[in-house]
Structure formats: structure tokens, C-alpha cells
Amino acid sequence: MRTKTITRFAAYTAIGLACSLDAAEEGPGWTTLRAGELTAVVGDNSAEGGHRTGYNGVWSLRYSEDSRSVFVPTVAGLNFEHIVTGGPLADNEIFFEPRHAPMALRRINDSEAELHQPPTPISHLESWTRFRLVAPYYLEMDFRCIARRPVAEQGYLALFWASYMNAPEDKSLHFLGGLEDQKGGLWTQFCPQWHNDQSTVRHRDDRFKMTFADDGRDTLFKSFSRIRFDEPFFYGNIDELTWVVMFDRSEGIRFTQSPSGGGMNDERRTMNPAWDFQFVVEQPEVNREYGFRVRTLLRPRCAPEEVLKEFRKWREFVQ
């Protein structure tokens, strides 16, 4: 693909429709990837046109050229949001450290790009996030990180990703799970009533207790649901599409949901939910690499059993 001179990053509108690129495929902090049915704009945490500063990852993801992005156009999906070590979080530059710390984008080919964040100024965490489109409708994310100095104030390192979804009618996450004292393996629909209220779902075997400084800040990752998940994947429906998020492990993975984290969509008269997840490392060692893999699907709406079939097929491949 020939890179064109940027004329403008066009057509973010007040009603929250998907972004489109006008006479541009690439800029200093973003690039457009294509494979199969998917088109993605991957970018760093800089601002460009209607895209707001601080939001990195997948700025836009569309199933076809004439569909809207499944992510809120001014922000992002698979956005690296928090580095949590148990220390105070009252300062926004600490709370949203990945938004503020420098980050660089490297385009690899027409379907693949990587974000690199050098050691951050507060947590001293260096990370690499590689995004890859795979036909017909897969978006994969491989994450690696290294703590360059001791960071585990409370004995853990917890990393948080947010996906701000573009006004789905159904705000819920769906997964296999159930209540702590309930038989597992049930299709579970999960949507808290309020932001920061019973928002995080742990695996059924996850007994690790994160402790925090007493800073008075309520957060999604401090608030836990009685519901547990059994298999490391979830999905949600938006328009006539299903978006699935699958992980290569259960250990350290937590699901998080906010019914309103992405703000208001005025034209659709509804809130934008946040469909989020966490990666928790217990007792992290300095200069040791940690990471995990994610495969997402954006495909025409399908039955839960079809989602489960996709998950099992991928897990056999990655294990």
C-alpha cells in the first residue's frame, strides 16, 4: 500500500459514527490495517483529528467498509489504560499512566502493527503490543512487558485494557460461568447497573486478593462481582455483529464491565459501555518478561455455541 500525505483525519461526527479516512491511510501515530472483512485503525496515545489524546490501541474496527466502527470513534478499543501496583491512584497521571507516557507505533505490513511504550516514568514498565488482522474476521493482540525496576508495592502487577463500545443496544457481556456457589458452565449475561459497582469477574479458581493504598478512589478493578467465569472468553453483540474476546489462559485474566464507561451517544440516546479485561501477575520479577495472547472476532451475529466452537478451536492451536 502506498502511503499518502495526510490531508485530514476526516469525518468524526457528533453522533458517534465510525471514523473514516479521507485521502490518508497513515499518519505519524496511526495506520490502517486490512485483512478479510476487517479494517482497523491502530494508533498510539496521540490526538489526531477527532481522536482524543491518551487513547491507544485500536482507534477503529469495522467489519465492512459501509459499517460503523464498533468502538467509540473519539477513543479506542483494546486501549492500554492502567498499570496497577497497589500504590496511590488519586493522581490521574498515575491512574492513567499508559495514556500519558510516550508511545511509538511501528507498521509491520498491511495487516500488522506494533505499539512500543518505553519504561514509563512512574511504574518503569516497558511494553510491546502487537496487533494483527487475520482473514476472514480475526483481530489478534500479543502483549509483552518487562518491569525495569521493582514495581510490586503490594506484591502484584495488574494491567488493564478498556474497549469503549459504540452504543450497542445490549450492554452485556456473555460468557460461561455462574455464581460462586452455583454449578458452572452456564451461559451468563453480565451487566452491572452502575459504573464501579460489582464490575470485575474473576475465574472460578482465582483466589488472589489485590490490596490497595487507601486513596479514596473507586475503580472498576477494585469492585468484584459474585459471578465467576469458567472459560477465558466473553462476547457481546453490537448491531448485527458479534464481538468475541478470547484469551490464551485463565490464570491472571479478569473480565471487567461498565455500563457507561464510554460516555453518552446522543444520537442513539444511550450510553456506551466499556467491555474491559485485566492481566494480573503475582510477585513480578525485575527484567523478566510477562505476556499473554488475545484473539478477537468481529463477525455476523451468531449463536453462543458457535462462539464456543471458535474458542475451542483457537485454544487447541495456541496450547
Protein backbone atom coordinates (compact mmCIF):
# COMPACT_ATOMS: atom_id res chain seq x y z
CA MET A 1 0.00 0.00 0.00
CA ARG A 2 1.32 3.46 -0.93
CA THR A 3 1.37 5.91 1.97
CA LYS A 4 -0.34 9.18 1.08
CA THR A 5 0.23 12.60 2.50
CA ILE A 6 -2.18 13.37 5.29
CA THR A 7 -4.80 15.89 4.30
CA ARG A 8 -7.11 15.33 7.24
CA PHE A 9 -8.35 12.62 9.54
CA ALA A 10 -11.92 13.09 8.44
CA ALA A 11 -15.45 12.55 9.47
CA TYR A 12 -15.75 12.10 13.17
CA THR A 13 -19.25 13.35 13.84
CA ALA A 14 -21.08 14.44 16.95
CA ILE A 15 -23.43 11.46 16.68
CA GLY A 16 -20.60 9.00 17.20
CA LEU A 17 -20.50 7.25 13.84
CA ALA A 18 -17.42 5.31 12.79
CA CYS A 19 -14.37 7.25 11.67
CA SER A 20 -13.35 7.27 8.05
CA LEU A 21 -10.07 8.27 6.48
CA ASP A 22 -10.10 10.96 3.82
CA ALA A 23 -7.19 10.78 1.37
CA ALA A 24 -4.99 9.25 4.07
CA GLU A 25 -4.01 5.75 5.13
CA GLU A 26 -1.31 6.55 7.64
CA GLY A 27 -0.07 9.30 9.94
CA PRO A 28 2.72 9.82 12.46
CA GLY A 29 0.83 7.97 15.20
CA TRP A 30 -1.66 5.75 13.38
CA THR A 31 -2.02 3.36 10.47
CA THR A 32 -4.81 1.49 8.68
CA LEU A 33 -4.70 -2.33 8.52
CA ARG A 34 -6.86 -4.61 6.36
CA ALA A 35 -7.44 -8.34 6.07
CA GLY A 36 -10.51 -10.30 5.02
CA GLU A 37 -13.67 -8.48 6.11
CA LEU A 38 -11.96 -6.24 8.67
CA THR A 39 -10.49 -2.74 8.55
CA ALA A 40 -8.71 -1.43 11.65
CA VAL A 41 -7.03 1.84 12.52
CA VAL A 42 -4.25 1.17 15.06
CA GLY A 43 -2.72 4.14 16.84
CA ASP A 44 -0.68 5.42 19.75
CA ASN A 45 -1.91 7.75 22.51
CA SER A 46 -1.62 10.94 20.48
CA ALA A 47 -4.51 13.07 19.19
CA GLU A 48 -5.45 13.23 15.51
CA GLY A 49 -8.49 14.97 14.11
CA GLY A 50 -11.46 13.85 16.21
CA HIS A 51 -9.45 11.18 18.03
CA ARG A 52 -8.70 12.26 21.59
CA THR A 53 -5.27 12.19 23.16
CA GLY A 54 -4.47 9.37 25.58
CA TYR A 55 -6.40 6.59 23.86
CA ASN A 56 -4.17 3.98 22.24
CA GLY A 57 -4.76 0.61 20.63
CA VAL A 58 -7.46 0.12 18.01
CA TRP A 59 -8.93 3.53 17.19
CA SER A 60 -11.47 2.00 14.80
CA LEU A 61 -12.62 -1.51 13.86
CA ARG A 62 -15.15 -2.13 11.10
CA TYR A 63 -16.48 -5.38 9.68
CA SER A 64 -17.06 -3.88 6.24
CA GLU A 65 -16.43 -0.57 4.54
CA ASP A 66 -20.01 0.61 4.99
CA SER A 67 -20.41 -0.37 8.65
CA ARG A 68 -19.72 1.84 11.65
CA SER A 69 -16.81 1.22 13.98
CA VAL A 70 -17.70 -0.99 16.93
CA PHE A 71 -15.58 1.33 19.12
CA VAL A 72 -16.49 4.88 20.11
CA PRO A 73 -14.79 6.95 17.36
CA THR A 74 -13.16 9.57 19.59
CA VAL A 75 -11.47 6.99 21.81
CA ALA A 76 -10.47 3.33 21.20
CA GLY A 77 -10.79 -0.37 21.81
CA LEU A 78 -8.14 -2.65 23.36
CA ASN A 79 -6.82 0.54 24.95
CA PHE A 80 -3.97 0.04 27.46
CA GLU A 81 -5.41 2.05 30.34
CA HIS A 82 -3.93 1.30 33.79
CA ILE A 83 -0.78 -0.04 35.45
CA VAL A 84 -1.78 -1.02 38.99
CA THR A 85 0.76 -1.88 41.67
CA GLY A 86 -1.22 -1.19 44.84
CA GLY A 87 0.10 2.33 45.27
CA PRO A 88 -1.98 5.54 45.45
CA LEU A 89 -4.06 6.27 42.35
CA ALA A 90 -5.56 9.68 43.14
CA ASP A 91 -3.34 11.47 40.60
CA ASN A 92 -4.64 10.97 37.04
CA GLU A 93 -1.11 10.81 35.62
CA ILE A 94 -0.58 7.75 37.82
CA PHE A 95 -4.06 6.30 37.36
CA PHE A 96 -3.89 6.62 33.56
CA GLU A 97 -0.12 6.21 33.19
CA PRO A 98 -0.23 4.38 29.79
CA ARG A 99 -2.27 7.29 28.39
CA HIS A 100 0.37 9.85 29.36
CA ALA A 101 3.69 8.04 28.85
CA PRO A 102 5.33 8.25 25.39
CA MET A 103 4.40 5.50 22.94
CA ALA A 104 5.57 4.72 19.40
CA LEU A 105 3.83 2.93 16.52
CA ARG A 106 5.61 0.63 14.06
CA ARG A 107 3.78 -0.58 10.96
CA ILE A 108 4.96 -4.09 10.03
CA ASN A 109 2.85 -4.84 6.95
CA ASP A 110 -0.64 -4.30 5.55
CA SER A 111 -2.24 -6.35 8.35
CA GLU A 112 0.10 -5.94 11.31
CA ALA A 113 1.43 -3.14 13.54
CA GLU A 114 3.08 -2.82 16.94
CA LEU A 115 2.96 -0.25 19.75
CA HIS A 116 6.04 0.13 21.92
CA GLN A 117 5.96 2.02 25.21
CA PRO A 118 9.42 2.59 26.72
CA PRO A 119 9.73 2.31 30.51
CA THR A 120 7.01 4.51 31.94
CA PRO A 121 8.08 7.34 34.28
CA ILE A 122 6.24 6.08 37.37
CA SER A 123 5.97 2.29 37.12
CA HIS A 124 9.03 1.81 34.88
CA LEU A 125 7.14 -0.78 32.83
CA GLU A 126 8.23 -1.32 29.23
CA SER A 127 5.71 -2.97 26.90
CA TRP A 128 5.08 -4.11 23.34
CA THR A 129 1.58 -4.64 21.93
CA ARG A 130 1.29 -6.25 18.51
CA PHE A 131 -1.98 -6.15 16.57
CA ARG A 132 -2.60 -8.49 13.65
CA LEU A 133 -5.60 -8.89 11.36
CA VAL A 134 -6.23 -12.41 10.06
CA ALA A 135 -8.83 -13.21 7.40
CA PRO A 136 -11.73 -13.55 7.45
CA TYR A 137 -12.63 -11.68 10.67
CA TYR A 138 -9.96 -12.05 13.38
CA LEU A 139 -8.01 -9.38 15.24
CA GLU A 140 -5.19 -10.72 17.42
CA MET A 141 -3.29 -8.92 20.15
CA ASP A 142 0.02 -10.17 21.58
CA PHE A 143 1.23 -8.30 24.68
CA ARG A 144 4.67 -8.42 26.31
CA CYS A 145 6.02 -6.37 29.19
CA ILE A 146 9.13 -6.06 31.38
CA ALA A 147 9.38 -4.23 34.70
CA ARG A 148 12.69 -2.38 34.58
CA ARG A 149 12.59 -1.56 38.31
CA PRO A 150 10.75 -3.07 41.30
CA VAL A 151 7.07 -2.12 40.96
CA ALA A 152 5.07 -4.55 43.10
CA GLU A 153 4.26 -2.37 46.11
CA GLN A 154 1.57 -4.83 47.24
CA GLY A 155 3.04 -7.98 45.67
CA TYR A 156 1.43 -7.81 42.23
CA LEU A 157 1.32 -6.05 38.88
CA ALA A 158 -2.14 -5.61 37.34
CA LEU A 159 -2.62 -4.25 33.81
CA PHE A 160 -5.97 -3.06 32.47
CA TRP A 161 -7.40 -2.70 28.94
CA ALA A 162 -10.59 -0.84 28.06
CA SER A 163 -12.75 -1.19 24.95
CA TYR A 164 -15.29 1.61 24.61
CA MET A 165 -18.16 0.11 22.63
CA ASN A 166 -20.17 2.23 20.22
CA ALA A 167 -23.74 2.23 21.59
CA PRO A 168 -24.83 -1.42 21.43
CA GLU A 169 -28.47 -1.98 22.32
CA ASP A 170 -27.41 -4.80 24.67
CA LYS A 171 -24.63 -3.59 27.00
CA SER A 172 -24.00 -7.08 28.42
CA LEU A 173 -21.04 -9.41 28.33
CA HIS A 174 -21.87 -13.08 27.78
CA PHE A 175 -19.68 -15.98 28.95
CA LEU A 176 -19.70 -19.42 30.54
CA GLY A 177 -19.82 -19.14 34.32
CA GLY A 178 -22.17 -18.67 37.22
CA LEU A 179 -22.35 -17.61 40.86
CA GLU A 180 -19.55 -18.67 43.20
CA ASP A 181 -21.72 -21.33 44.84
CA GLN A 182 -23.51 -22.31 41.64
CA LYS A 183 -22.85 -25.06 39.16
CA GLY A 184 -20.51 -23.74 36.48
CA GLY A 185 -20.66 -23.83 32.72
CA LEU A 186 -23.87 -21.82 32.38
CA TRP A 187 -24.30 -19.14 29.73
CA THR A 188 -24.18 -15.99 31.85
CA GLN A 189 -25.30 -12.48 30.92
CA PHE A 190 -23.39 -9.83 32.88
CA CYS A 191 -24.08 -6.10 33.09
CA PRO A 192 -23.66 -4.11 36.34
CA GLN A 193 -26.21 -1.37 36.96
CA TRP A 194 -23.63 1.28 37.78
CA HIS A 195 -20.05 2.23 36.97
CA ASN A 196 -17.55 0.87 39.56
CA ASP A 197 -20.22 -1.41 41.07
CA GLN A 198 -19.55 -5.19 41.17
CA SER A 199 -17.72 -4.68 37.91
CA THR A 200 -14.95 -7.30 37.84
CA VAL A 201 -15.48 -11.03 37.20
CA ARG A 202 -12.74 -13.45 38.25
CA HIS A 203 -12.09 -17.02 37.14
CA ARG A 204 -13.68 -19.65 39.37
CA ASP A 205 -10.22 -20.65 40.70
CA ASP A 206 -8.92 -17.08 41.15
CA ARG A 207 -8.34 -16.54 44.88
CA PHE A 208 -5.70 -13.82 44.67
CA LYS A 209 -6.63 -10.74 46.68
CA MET A 210 -5.32 -7.43 45.39
CA THR A 211 -4.68 -4.85 48.10
CA PHE A 212 -4.66 -1.10 47.53
CA ALA A 213 -3.46 2.08 49.14
CA ASP A 214 -6.20 3.95 50.99
CA ASP A 215 -6.55 6.78 48.46
CA GLY A 216 -10.35 7.02 48.40
CA ARG A 217 -10.63 6.39 44.66
CA ASP A 218 -13.32 3.99 43.44
CA THR A 219 -12.31 1.93 40.42
CA LEU A 220 -13.64 -0.84 38.23
CA PHE A 221 -10.83 -3.20 39.25
CA LYS A 222 -11.47 -2.76 43.00
CA SER A 223 -15.10 -3.86 42.77
CA PHE A 224 -15.88 -7.57 42.42
CA SER A 225 -18.93 -9.50 41.29
CA ARG A 226 -20.18 -12.71 42.89
CA ILE A 227 -20.28 -14.15 39.39
CA ARG A 228 -17.30 -16.19 38.21
CA PHE A 229 -16.25 -17.22 34.69
CA ASP A 230 -15.25 -20.77 33.78
CA GLU A 231 -13.62 -20.34 30.37
CA PRO A 232 -11.41 -17.37 29.35
CA PHE A 233 -13.59 -15.75 26.72
CA PHE A 234 -16.54 -13.40 26.51
CA TYR A 235 -18.66 -11.92 23.77
CA GLY A 236 -21.12 -9.11 23.15
CA ASN A 237 -23.47 -8.14 20.35
CA ILE A 238 -23.46 -4.82 18.51
CA ASP A 239 -25.77 -4.11 15.58
CA GLU A 240 -25.87 -7.35 13.56
CA LEU A 241 -22.37 -8.35 14.65
CA THR A 242 -20.87 -10.40 17.47
CA TRP A 243 -17.55 -9.32 19.03
CA VAL A 244 -15.69 -12.11 20.84
CA VAL A 245 -12.60 -11.73 23.08
CA MET A 246 -10.64 -14.93 23.81
CA PHE A 247 -7.54 -15.40 25.98
CA ASP A 248 -4.77 -17.99 25.85
CA ARG A 249 -5.03 -18.64 29.61
CA SER A 250 -7.32 -18.27 32.62
CA GLU A 251 -4.60 -17.54 35.18
CA GLY A 252 -4.33 -13.83 35.82
CA ILE A 253 -7.21 -12.89 33.49
CA ARG A 254 -10.19 -10.95 34.80
CA PHE A 255 -13.20 -9.55 32.92
CA THR A 256 -14.48 -6.06 33.73
CA GLN A 257 -17.59 -4.24 32.57
CA SER A 258 -19.01 -0.74 32.89
CA PRO A 259 -22.47 0.04 31.52
CA SER A 260 -21.47 3.67 30.85
CA GLY A 261 -17.66 3.86 30.69
CA GLY A 262 -17.62 5.13 27.11
CA GLY A 263 -19.90 8.10 27.78
CA MET A 264 -23.09 9.09 26.02
CA ASN A 265 -24.16 8.57 22.42
CA ASP A 266 -26.59 11.45 21.97
CA GLU A 267 -27.95 10.42 18.57
CA ARG A 268 -28.84 6.91 19.77
CA ARG A 269 -29.94 8.19 23.19
CA THR A 270 -27.98 5.57 25.07
CA MET A 271 -24.72 5.01 26.93
CA ASN A 272 -21.55 3.45 25.52
CA PRO A 273 -20.45 0.53 27.71
CA ALA A 274 -16.86 -0.47 28.36
CA TRP A 275 -16.03 -4.15 27.79
CA ASP A 276 -12.69 -4.47 29.58
CA PHE A 277 -10.20 -7.01 30.91
CA GLN A 278 -7.19 -7.29 33.21
CA PHE A 279 -3.95 -9.24 33.37
CA VAL A 280 -2.62 -9.83 36.90
CA VAL A 281 0.93 -11.01 37.67
CA GLU A 282 1.72 -12.09 41.21
CA GLN A 283 5.17 -11.23 42.59
CA PRO A 284 6.62 -9.91 39.31
CA GLU A 285 10.39 -10.02 38.92
CA VAL A 286 12.51 -7.19 37.57
CA ASN A 287 13.69 -7.66 33.95
CA ARG A 288 11.58 -10.78 33.45
CA GLU A 289 9.18 -10.81 30.51
CA TYR A 290 5.48 -11.43 31.05
CA GLY A 291 2.71 -11.53 28.50
CA PHE A 292 -0.39 -13.13 27.06
CA ARG A 293 -2.28 -13.52 23.80
CA VAL A 294 -5.76 -12.43 22.80
CA ARG A 295 -7.79 -13.35 19.73
CA THR A 296 -10.89 -11.32 18.98
CA LEU A 297 -13.54 -11.98 16.33
CA LEU A 298 -15.85 -9.49 14.68
CA ARG A 299 -18.32 -11.48 12.64
CA PRO A 300 -22.02 -11.59 11.71
CA ARG A 301 -24.23 -12.33 14.71
CA CYS A 302 -24.02 -15.99 15.73
CA ALA A 303 -25.29 -18.39 18.38
CA PRO A 304 -23.37 -18.95 21.65
CA GLU A 305 -22.40 -22.47 20.62
CA GLU A 306 -20.66 -21.06 17.53
CA VAL A 307 -18.64 -18.75 19.80
CA LEU A 308 -17.66 -21.72 21.96
CA LYS A 309 -16.60 -23.66 18.87
CA GLU A 310 -14.34 -20.78 17.78
CA PHE A 311 -12.79 -20.59 21.25
CA ARG A 312 -12.06 -24.33 21.46
CA LYS A 313 -10.52 -24.37 18.01
CA TRP A 314 -8.17 -21.49 18.83
CA ARG A 315 -7.19 -22.85 22.26
CA GLU A 316 -6.13 -26.16 20.68
CA PHE A 317 -3.89 -24.18 18.36
CA VAL A 318 -2.21 -21.93 20.97
CA GLN A 319 -1.71 -24.53 23.72
